[in-house]
Amino acid sequence: MNSWIFRDNKKGISNRIIFFHHAGGTASFYKGWSELFSQDTEVCAVQLPMRANRICESMPESIEQLARNFIEENSGIFDKPFILFGHSMGAQIAFEVSCQLSRKGINPEALFVSACEAPLIPEEKDISAKEEEERTIIQILKDYGHMVDDDILDDPDFRSYYIPIVRQDFYISEKYFKPQSKILSCPIYALCGKNDPFVKPKKCQGWCGYTDCLCTFEEFSGDHFYLEQKKEKIAHIIQKAFRKAV
């Protein structure tokens, strides 16, 4: 059984969407998205290591290695036209997967990067996420909102499970960067919430420097997790992207 992917049981599919979740998240973040797409579109939600059913698996030390592992262990998933969609840290992973696939001559129909600034330079921090005090990590989680309920964070058993996951996710995300160049030959759709306190719209537009195809930038009402209220609208945009590729 594939531990990476939770997928539909749809029959006769002709294309698929591969979703990557945010730092500290799980594949369940995309629960219910399958119902927003037609019967011929399969939704695949990726589960990263270290959490839920993969609790005993270690997380790689870089997004590049994580993407490499994903491609090597899921090569069969690219046998039909596909779109990659990532939210926050998941956008970095989706982008890196696209880059590595492109070098193999495999291109998605489109790449969606949500709530994530372009990786132009590594994030400058005085202290690595691996060295942050637990209370600092907890405050960051509360500032993001919607990631985990505050009362659950008060449970020491939950914190002992969850904080190491968040540390490692933040660590590989904060050090990921790629200088702008026309790496990809697929459209990029950069999406963000208008009231996201962590993501600057101008830096989201920087994603346009990584493709020689169409690049679309769109803002939605909402914060960092705006897409929870905009599922139908985003699903419609994804479906249109498939149709444009035909």
C-alpha atoms as a PDB file:
ATOM      1  CA  MET A   1       0.000   0.000   0.000  1.00  0.00           C
ATOM      2  CA  ASN A   2       1.308   3.455  -0.928  1.00  0.00           C
ATOM      3  CA  SER A   3       1.863   5.493   2.255  1.00  0.00           C
ATOM      4  CA  TRP A   4       2.375   8.717   0.309  1.00  0.00           C
ATOM      5  CA  ILE A   5      -0.994   9.164  -1.328  1.00  0.00           C
ATOM      6  CA  PHE A   6      -4.652   9.151  -0.388  1.00  0.00           C
ATOM      7  CA  ARG A   7      -6.632   8.932  -3.594  1.00  0.00           C
ATOM      8  CA  ASP A   8     -10.131   8.525  -5.023  1.00  0.00           C
ATOM      9  CA  ASN A   9     -11.716   5.289  -6.042  1.00  0.00           C
ATOM     10  CA  LYS A  10     -12.998   6.832  -9.255  1.00  0.00           C
ATOM     11  CA  LYS A  11     -13.058   4.661 -12.363  1.00  0.00           C
ATOM     12  CA  GLY A  12     -12.135   5.679 -15.889  1.00  0.00           C
ATOM     13  CA  ILE A  13     -10.144   8.734 -14.901  1.00  0.00           C
ATOM     14  CA  SER A  14      -8.444  10.798 -17.607  1.00  0.00           C
ATOM     15  CA  ASN A  15      -6.465  13.237 -15.452  1.00  0.00           C
ATOM     16  CA  ARG A  16      -5.448  13.823 -11.848  1.00  0.00           C
ATOM     17  CA  ILE A  17      -4.608  16.554  -9.369  1.00  0.00           C
ATOM     18  CA  ILE A  18      -1.822  16.011  -6.856  1.00  0.00           C
ATOM     19  CA  PHE A  19      -2.168  18.109  -3.687  1.00  0.00           C
ATOM     20  CA  PHE A  20       0.655  18.895  -1.230  1.00  0.00           C
ATOM     21  CA  HIS A  21      -0.249  20.160   2.247  1.00  0.00           C
ATOM     22  CA  HIS A  22       1.258  22.944   4.368  1.00  0.00           C
ATOM     23  CA  ALA A  23       3.896  22.701   7.107  1.00  0.00           C
ATOM     24  CA  GLY A  24       2.496  20.870  10.103  1.00  0.00           C
ATOM     25  CA  GLY A  25      -0.419  19.640   8.011  1.00  0.00           C
ATOM     26  CA  THR A  26      -1.577  16.268   6.751  1.00  0.00           C
ATOM     27  CA  ALA A  27      -3.279  14.921   3.656  1.00  0.00           C
ATOM     28  CA  SER A  28      -6.627  15.298   5.440  1.00  0.00           C
ATOM     29  CA  PHE A  29      -6.373  19.045   4.752  1.00  0.00           C
ATOM     30  CA  TYR A  30      -7.759  18.216   1.300  1.00  0.00           C
ATOM     31  CA  LYS A  31     -10.561  15.995   2.525  1.00  0.00           C
ATOM     32  CA  GLY A  32     -13.705  16.592   0.475  1.00  0.00           C
ATOM     33  CA  TRP A  33     -11.950  18.190  -2.498  1.00  0.00           C
ATOM     34  CA  SER A  34     -12.628  15.157  -4.671  1.00  0.00           C
ATOM     35  CA  GLU A  35     -16.333  15.972  -4.649  1.00  0.00           C
ATOM     36  CA  LEU A  36     -15.595  19.312  -6.340  1.00  0.00           C
ATOM     37  CA  PHE A  37     -14.276  17.690  -9.515  1.00  0.00           C
ATOM     38  CA  SER A  38     -15.807  15.685 -12.330  1.00  0.00           C
ATOM     39  CA  GLN A  39     -15.808  11.891 -12.315  1.00  0.00           C
ATOM     40  CA  ASP A  40     -12.890  11.697 -14.752  1.00  0.00           C
ATOM     41  CA  THR A  41     -10.569  13.694 -12.444  1.00  0.00           C
ATOM     42  CA  GLU A  42      -8.753  11.868  -9.672  1.00  0.00           C
ATOM     43  CA  VAL A  43      -7.693  13.780  -6.559  1.00  0.00           C
ATOM     44  CA  CYS A  44      -4.485  12.588  -4.888  1.00  0.00           C
ATOM     45  CA  ALA A  45      -3.637  14.090  -1.496  1.00  0.00           C
ATOM     46  CA  VAL A  46       0.002  13.599  -0.518  1.00  0.00           C
ATOM     47  CA  GLN A  47       0.890  12.580   3.032  1.00  0.00           C
ATOM     48  CA  LEU A  48       4.373  13.690   4.049  1.00  0.00           C
ATOM     49  CA  PRO A  49       6.568  11.601   6.364  1.00  0.00           C
ATOM     50  CA  MET A  50       6.615  11.884  10.166  1.00  0.00           C
ATOM     51  CA  ARG A  51       2.843  12.256  10.676  1.00  0.00           C
ATOM     52  CA  ALA A  52      -0.358  10.203  10.890  1.00  0.00           C
ATOM     53  CA  ASN A  53       0.125   6.879   9.067  1.00  0.00           C
ATOM     54  CA  ARG A  54       3.811   7.783   8.437  1.00  0.00           C
ATOM     55  CA  ILE A  55       4.670   8.646  12.029  1.00  0.00           C
ATOM     56  CA  CYS A  56       7.652   6.263  12.085  1.00  0.00           C
ATOM     57  CA  GLU A  57       9.222   7.665   8.899  1.00  0.00           C
ATOM     58  CA  SER A  58      11.778  10.464   9.106  1.00  0.00           C
ATOM     59  CA  MET A  59      11.438  13.683   7.149  1.00  0.00           C
ATOM     60  CA  PRO A  60      14.265  14.439   4.672  1.00  0.00           C
ATOM     61  CA  GLU A  61      16.647  17.300   5.386  1.00  0.00           C
ATOM     62  CA  SER A  62      15.668  19.308   2.310  1.00  0.00           C
ATOM     63  CA  ILE A  63      12.748  19.925   0.003  1.00  0.00           C
ATOM     64  CA  GLU A  64      14.941  18.797  -2.879  1.00  0.00           C
ATOM     65  CA  GLN A  65      15.428  15.362  -1.275  1.00  0.00           C
ATOM     66  CA  LEU A  66      11.760  15.146  -0.312  1.00  0.00           C
ATOM     67  CA  ALA A  67      10.738  15.816  -3.932  1.00  0.00           C
ATOM     68  CA  ARG A  68      13.267  13.270  -5.188  1.00  0.00           C
ATOM     69  CA  ASN A  69      11.904  10.612  -2.839  1.00  0.00           C
ATOM     70  CA  PHE A  70       8.330  11.366  -3.858  1.00  0.00           C
ATOM     71  CA  ILE A  71       9.090  11.038  -7.565  1.00  0.00           C
ATOM     72  CA  GLU A  72      11.111   7.835  -7.158  1.00  0.00           C
ATOM     73  CA  GLU A  73       8.417   6.141  -5.068  1.00  0.00           C
ATOM     74  CA  ASN A  74       5.438   7.365  -7.102  1.00  0.00           C
ATOM     75  CA  SER A  75       6.621   7.298 -10.709  1.00  0.00           C
ATOM     76  CA  GLY A  76       3.376   5.639 -11.860  1.00  0.00           C
ATOM     77  CA  ILE A  77       1.264   8.617 -10.840  1.00  0.00           C
ATOM     78  CA  PHE A  78       2.483  10.672 -13.781  1.00  0.00           C
ATOM     79  CA  ASP A  79       1.019   8.361 -16.446  1.00  0.00           C
ATOM     80  CA  LYS A  80      -1.957  10.672 -17.108  1.00  0.00           C
ATOM     81  CA  PRO A  81      -2.216  14.450 -17.549  1.00  0.00           C
ATOM     82  CA  PHE A  82      -1.762  15.959 -14.096  1.00  0.00           C
ATOM     83  CA  ILE A  83      -1.753  19.234 -12.195  1.00  0.00           C
ATOM     84  CA  LEU A  84       0.356  19.883  -9.092  1.00  0.00           C
ATOM     85  CA  PHE A  85      -1.139  22.022  -6.327  1.00  0.00           C
ATOM     86  CA  GLY A  86       0.657  23.044  -3.152  1.00  0.00           C
ATOM     87  CA  HIS A  87      -0.346  25.249  -0.240  1.00  0.00           C
ATOM     88  CA  SER A  88       2.286  27.183   1.761  1.00  0.00           C
ATOM     89  CA  MET A  89       5.251  24.795   2.226  1.00  0.00           C
ATOM     90  CA  GLY A  90       3.369  22.426  -0.071  1.00  0.00           C
ATOM     91  CA  ALA A  91       3.777  24.994  -2.854  1.00  0.00           C
ATOM     92  CA  GLN A  92       7.553  24.766  -2.513  1.00  0.00           C
ATOM     93  CA  ILE A  93       7.351  20.981  -2.701  1.00  0.00           C
ATOM     94  CA  ALA A  94       5.023  21.036  -5.719  1.00  0.00           C
ATOM     95  CA  PHE A  95       7.374  23.457  -7.458  1.00  0.00           C
ATOM     96  CA  GLU A  96      10.461  21.356  -6.745  1.00  0.00           C
ATOM     97  CA  VAL A  97       8.656  18.216  -7.950  1.00  0.00           C
ATOM     98  CA  SER A  98       7.812  20.112 -11.152  1.00  0.00           C
ATOM     99  CA  CYS A  99      11.455  21.148 -11.606  1.00  0.00           C
ATOM    100  CA  GLN A 100      12.790  17.622 -11.130  1.00  0.00           C
ATOM    101  CA  LEU A 101      10.135  16.128 -13.412  1.00  0.00           C
ATOM    102  CA  SER A 102      10.916  18.742 -16.065  1.00  0.00           C
ATOM    103  CA  ARG A 103      14.515  17.526 -16.175  1.00  0.00           C
ATOM    104  CA  LYS A 104      13.099  14.077 -16.994  1.00  0.00           C
ATOM    105  CA  GLY A 105      10.973  15.501 -19.802  1.00  0.00           C
ATOM    106  CA  ILE A 106       7.740  15.244 -17.788  1.00  0.00           C
ATOM    107  CA  ASN A 107       5.639  18.375 -17.391  1.00  0.00           C
ATOM    108  CA  PRO A 108       2.431  18.976 -15.458  1.00  0.00           C
ATOM    109  CA  GLU A 109      -0.478  20.631 -17.234  1.00  0.00           C
ATOM    110  CA  ALA A 110      -0.133  23.417 -14.677  1.00  0.00           C
ATOM    111  CA  LEU A 111       1.440  24.233 -11.312  1.00  0.00           C
ATOM    112  CA  PHE A 112      -0.616  25.926  -8.583  1.00  0.00           C
ATOM    113  CA  VAL A 113       1.313  27.645  -5.783  1.00  0.00           C
ATOM    114  CA  SER A 114      -0.917  28.856  -2.958  1.00  0.00           C
ATOM    115  CA  ALA A 115      -0.092  31.151  -0.015  1.00  0.00           C
ATOM    116  CA  CYS A 116       3.617  31.015  -0.716  1.00  0.00           C
ATOM    117  CA  GLU A 117       6.156  33.601  -1.813  1.00  0.00           C
ATOM    118  CA  ALA A 118       8.516  32.749  -4.649  1.00  0.00           C
ATOM    119  CA  PRO A 119      11.712  31.092  -3.316  1.00  0.00           C
ATOM    120  CA  LEU A 120      14.013  33.840  -4.596  1.00  0.00           C
ATOM    121  CA  ILE A 121      16.317  33.837  -1.562  1.00  0.00           C
ATOM    122  CA  PRO A 122      16.526  31.645   1.544  1.00  0.00           C
ATOM    123  CA  GLU A 123      14.654  33.081   4.507  1.00  0.00           C
ATOM    124  CA  GLU A 124      17.010  35.016   6.753  1.00  0.00           C
ATOM    125  CA  LYS A 125      16.653  33.982  10.371  1.00  0.00           C
ATOM    126  CA  ASP A 126      18.924  34.370  13.359  1.00  0.00           C
ATOM    127  CA  ILE A 127      17.834  31.018  14.739  1.00  0.00           C
ATOM    128  CA  SER A 128      16.960  27.880  12.800  1.00  0.00           C
ATOM    129  CA  ALA A 129      13.530  26.387  13.361  1.00  0.00           C
ATOM    130  CA  LYS A 130      15.317  23.351  14.795  1.00  0.00           C
ATOM    131  CA  GLU A 131      16.669  25.523  17.617  1.00  0.00           C
ATOM    132  CA  GLU A 132      13.583  27.598  18.369  1.00  0.00           C
ATOM    133  CA  GLU A 133      12.162  27.204  21.855  1.00  0.00           C
ATOM    134  CA  GLU A 134       8.922  25.270  22.038  1.00  0.00           C
ATOM    135  CA  ARG A 135       6.952  28.289  23.206  1.00  0.00           C
ATOM    136  CA  THR A 136       8.119  30.226  20.139  1.00  0.00           C
ATOM    137  CA  ILE A 137       6.965  27.455  17.813  1.00  0.00           C
ATOM    138  CA  ILE A 138       3.600  27.345  19.592  1.00  0.00           C
ATOM    139  CA  GLN A 139       3.174  31.108  19.203  1.00  0.00           C
ATOM    140  CA  ILE A 140       3.947  30.854  15.482  1.00  0.00           C
ATOM    141  CA  LEU A 141       1.262  28.178  15.145  1.00  0.00           C
ATOM    142  CA  LYS A 142      -1.252  30.388  16.947  1.00  0.00           C
ATOM    143  CA  ASP A 143      -0.342  33.347  14.738  1.00  0.00           C
ATOM    144  CA  TYR A 144      -1.025  31.316  11.606  1.00  0.00           C
ATOM    145  CA  GLY A 145      -4.417  30.252  12.909  1.00  0.00           C
ATOM    146  CA  HIS A 146      -6.475  27.295  11.614  1.00  0.00           C
ATOM    147  CA  MET A 147      -3.470  24.930  11.848  1.00  0.00           C
ATOM    148  CA  VAL A 148      -4.360  23.395  15.193  1.00  0.00           C
ATOM    149  CA  ASP A 149      -6.760  24.298  18.015  1.00  0.00           C
ATOM    150  CA  ASP A 150      -5.205  26.143  20.946  1.00  0.00           C
ATOM    151  CA  ASP A 151      -6.665  23.741  23.493  1.00  0.00           C
ATOM    152  CA  ILE A 152      -4.978  20.791  21.757  1.00  0.00           C
ATOM    153  CA  LEU A 153      -1.648  22.602  21.951  1.00  0.00           C
ATOM    154  CA  ASP A 154      -2.095  22.675  25.730  1.00  0.00           C
ATOM    155  CA  ASP A 155      -1.823  18.872  25.786  1.00  0.00           C
ATOM    156  CA  PRO A 156       1.824  17.883  26.489  1.00  0.00           C
ATOM    157  CA  ASP A 157       1.422  14.481  24.803  1.00  0.00           C
ATOM    158  CA  PHE A 158       0.208  16.138  21.621  1.00  0.00           C
ATOM    159  CA  ARG A 159       3.034  18.684  21.718  1.00  0.00           C
ATOM    160  CA  SER A 160       5.637  15.923  22.028  1.00  0.00           C
ATOM    161  CA  TYR A 161       4.248  14.416  18.819  1.00  0.00           C
ATOM    162  CA  TYR A 162       3.503  17.582  16.885  1.00  0.00           C
ATOM    163  CA  ILE A 163       6.269  20.102  17.649  1.00  0.00           C
ATOM    164  CA  PRO A 164       9.073  17.945  16.116  1.00  0.00           C
ATOM    165  CA  ILE A 165       7.021  17.702  12.901  1.00  0.00           C
ATOM    166  CA  VAL A 166       6.553  21.464  12.737  1.00  0.00           C
ATOM    167  CA  ARG A 167      10.228  22.110  13.527  1.00  0.00           C
ATOM    168  CA  GLN A 168      11.402  19.920  10.649  1.00  0.00           C
ATOM    169  CA  ASP A 169       8.809  21.279   8.218  1.00  0.00           C
ATOM    170  CA  PHE A 170       9.728  24.874   9.044  1.00  0.00           C
ATOM    171  CA  TYR A 171      13.422  24.019   8.811  1.00  0.00           C
ATOM    172  CA  ILE A 172      13.349  22.621   5.282  1.00  0.00           C
ATOM    173  CA  SER A 173      10.956  25.340   4.148  1.00  0.00           C
ATOM    174  CA  GLU A 174      12.975  28.267   5.454  1.00  0.00           C
ATOM    175  CA  LYS A 175      16.180  27.176   3.742  1.00  0.00           C
ATOM    176  CA  TYR A 176      14.651  26.412   0.330  1.00  0.00           C
ATOM    177  CA  PHE A 177      15.428  28.800  -2.507  1.00  0.00           C
ATOM    178  CA  LYS A 178      15.930  28.896  -6.269  1.00  0.00           C
ATOM    179  CA  PRO A 179      17.198  31.846  -8.324  1.00  0.00           C
ATOM    180  CA  GLN A 180      14.725  32.957 -10.966  1.00  0.00           C
ATOM    181  CA  SER A 181      15.093  31.298 -14.362  1.00  0.00           C
ATOM    182  CA  LYS A 182      12.638  29.908 -16.880  1.00  0.00           C
ATOM    183  CA  ILE A 183      12.865  26.404 -15.419  1.00  0.00           C
ATOM    184  CA  LEU A 184       9.352  25.218 -16.241  1.00  0.00           C
ATOM    185  CA  SER A 185       7.375  24.808 -19.447  1.00  0.00           C
ATOM    186  CA  CYS A 186       3.940  24.814 -17.866  1.00  0.00           C
ATOM    187  CA  PRO A 187       1.591  27.571 -16.670  1.00  0.00           C
ATOM    188  CA  ILE A 188       1.926  28.732 -13.065  1.00  0.00           C
ATOM    189  CA  TYR A 189      -1.056  29.941 -11.056  1.00  0.00           C
ATOM    190  CA  ALA A 190      -0.008  31.891  -7.950  1.00  0.00           C
ATOM    191  CA  LEU A 191      -2.818  32.323  -5.418  1.00  0.00           C
ATOM    192  CA  CYS A 192      -2.927  34.068  -2.047  1.00  0.00           C
ATOM    193  CA  GLY A 193      -5.249  35.565   0.557  1.00  0.00           C
ATOM    194  CA  LYS A 194      -5.554  39.353   0.647  1.00  0.00           C
ATOM    195  CA  ASN A 195      -5.243  39.400   4.426  1.00  0.00           C
ATOM    196  CA  ASP A 196      -2.437  36.861   4.761  1.00  0.00           C
ATOM    197  CA  PRO A 197      -0.026  38.388   7.333  1.00  0.00           C
ATOM    198  CA  PHE A 198       2.826  36.076   6.284  1.00  0.00           C
ATOM    199  CA  VAL A 199       2.750  36.309   2.484  1.00  0.00           C
ATOM    200  CA  LYS A 200       3.391  39.454   0.445  1.00  0.00           C
ATOM    201  CA  PRO A 201       1.464  39.609  -2.871  1.00  0.00           C
ATOM    202  CA  LYS A 202       4.432  41.152  -4.713  1.00  0.00           C
ATOM    203  CA  LYS A 203       6.634  38.224  -3.730  1.00  0.00           C
ATOM    204  CA  CYS A 204       3.923  35.797  -4.870  1.00  0.00           C
ATOM    205  CA  GLN A 205       4.072  37.422  -8.282  1.00  0.00           C
ATOM    206  CA  GLY A 206       7.754  36.447  -8.362  1.00  0.00           C
ATOM    207  CA  TRP A 207       6.660  32.939  -9.350  1.00  0.00           C
ATOM    208  CA  CYS A 208       6.191  34.283 -12.885  1.00  0.00           C
ATOM    209  CA  GLY A 209       9.960  34.305 -13.312  1.00  0.00           C
ATOM    210  CA  TYR A 210      10.140  30.497 -13.255  1.00  0.00           C
ATOM    211  CA  THR A 211       8.153  29.575 -16.367  1.00  0.00           C
ATOM    212  CA  ASP A 212       8.239  30.354 -20.062  1.00  0.00           C
ATOM    213  CA  CYS A 213       4.445  29.870 -20.184  1.00  0.00           C
ATOM    214  CA  LEU A 214       1.462  31.766 -18.876  1.00  0.00           C
ATOM    215  CA  CYS A 215       1.645  32.955 -15.268  1.00  0.00           C
ATOM    216  CA  THR A 216      -1.506  34.040 -13.455  1.00  0.00           C
ATOM    217  CA  PHE A 217      -1.690  35.782 -10.087  1.00  0.00           C
ATOM    218  CA  GLU A 218      -4.954  35.978  -8.142  1.00  0.00           C
ATOM    219  CA  GLU A 219      -5.853  37.244  -4.669  1.00  0.00           C
ATOM    220  CA  PHE A 220      -8.812  36.013  -2.631  1.00  0.00           C
ATOM    221  CA  SER A 221     -10.512  37.426   0.442  1.00  0.00           C
ATOM    222  CA  GLY A 222      -9.162  35.703   3.535  1.00  0.00           C
ATOM    223  CA  ASP A 223      -5.968  34.992   5.436  1.00  0.00           C
ATOM    224  CA  HIS A 224      -3.262  32.336   5.109  1.00  0.00           C
ATOM    225  CA  PHE A 225      -5.862  29.580   4.937  1.00  0.00           C
ATOM    226  CA  TYR A 226      -8.206  31.464   2.596  1.00  0.00           C
ATOM    227  CA  LEU A 227      -8.696  28.360   0.416  1.00  0.00           C
ATOM    228  CA  GLU A 228     -10.792  26.661   3.091  1.00  0.00           C
ATOM    229  CA  GLN A 229     -13.561  29.123   2.186  1.00  0.00           C
ATOM    230  CA  LYS A 230     -12.753  29.259  -1.533  1.00  0.00           C
ATOM    231  CA  LYS A 231     -12.678  25.570  -2.469  1.00  0.00           C
ATOM    232  CA  GLU A 232     -15.345  25.783  -5.157  1.00  0.00           C
ATOM    233  CA  LYS A 233     -13.750  28.809  -6.837  1.00  0.00           C
ATOM    234  CA  ILE A 234     -10.294  27.233  -6.818  1.00  0.00           C
ATOM    235  CA  ALA A 235     -11.624  23.909  -8.104  1.00  0.00           C
ATOM    236  CA  HIS A 236     -13.216  25.800 -10.990  1.00  0.00           C
ATOM    237  CA  ILE A 237      -9.878  27.475 -11.830  1.00  0.00           C
ATOM    238  CA  ILE A 238      -8.128  24.092 -11.762  1.00  0.00           C
ATOM    239  CA  GLN A 239     -10.724  22.557 -14.085  1.00  0.00           C
ATOM    240  CA  LYS A 240     -10.274  25.472 -16.518  1.00  0.00           C
ATOM    241  CA  ALA A 241      -6.509  24.898 -16.440  1.00  0.00           C
ATOM    242  CA  PHE A 242      -7.065  21.302 -17.586  1.00  0.00           C
ATOM    243  CA  ARG A 243      -9.299  22.465 -20.414  1.00  0.00           C
ATOM    244  CA  LYS A 244      -6.742  25.048 -21.569  1.00  0.00           C
ATOM    245  CA  ALA A 245      -4.125  22.298 -21.767  1.00  0.00           C
ATOM    246  CA  VAL A 246      -6.226  20.146 -24.112  1.00  0.00           C
END
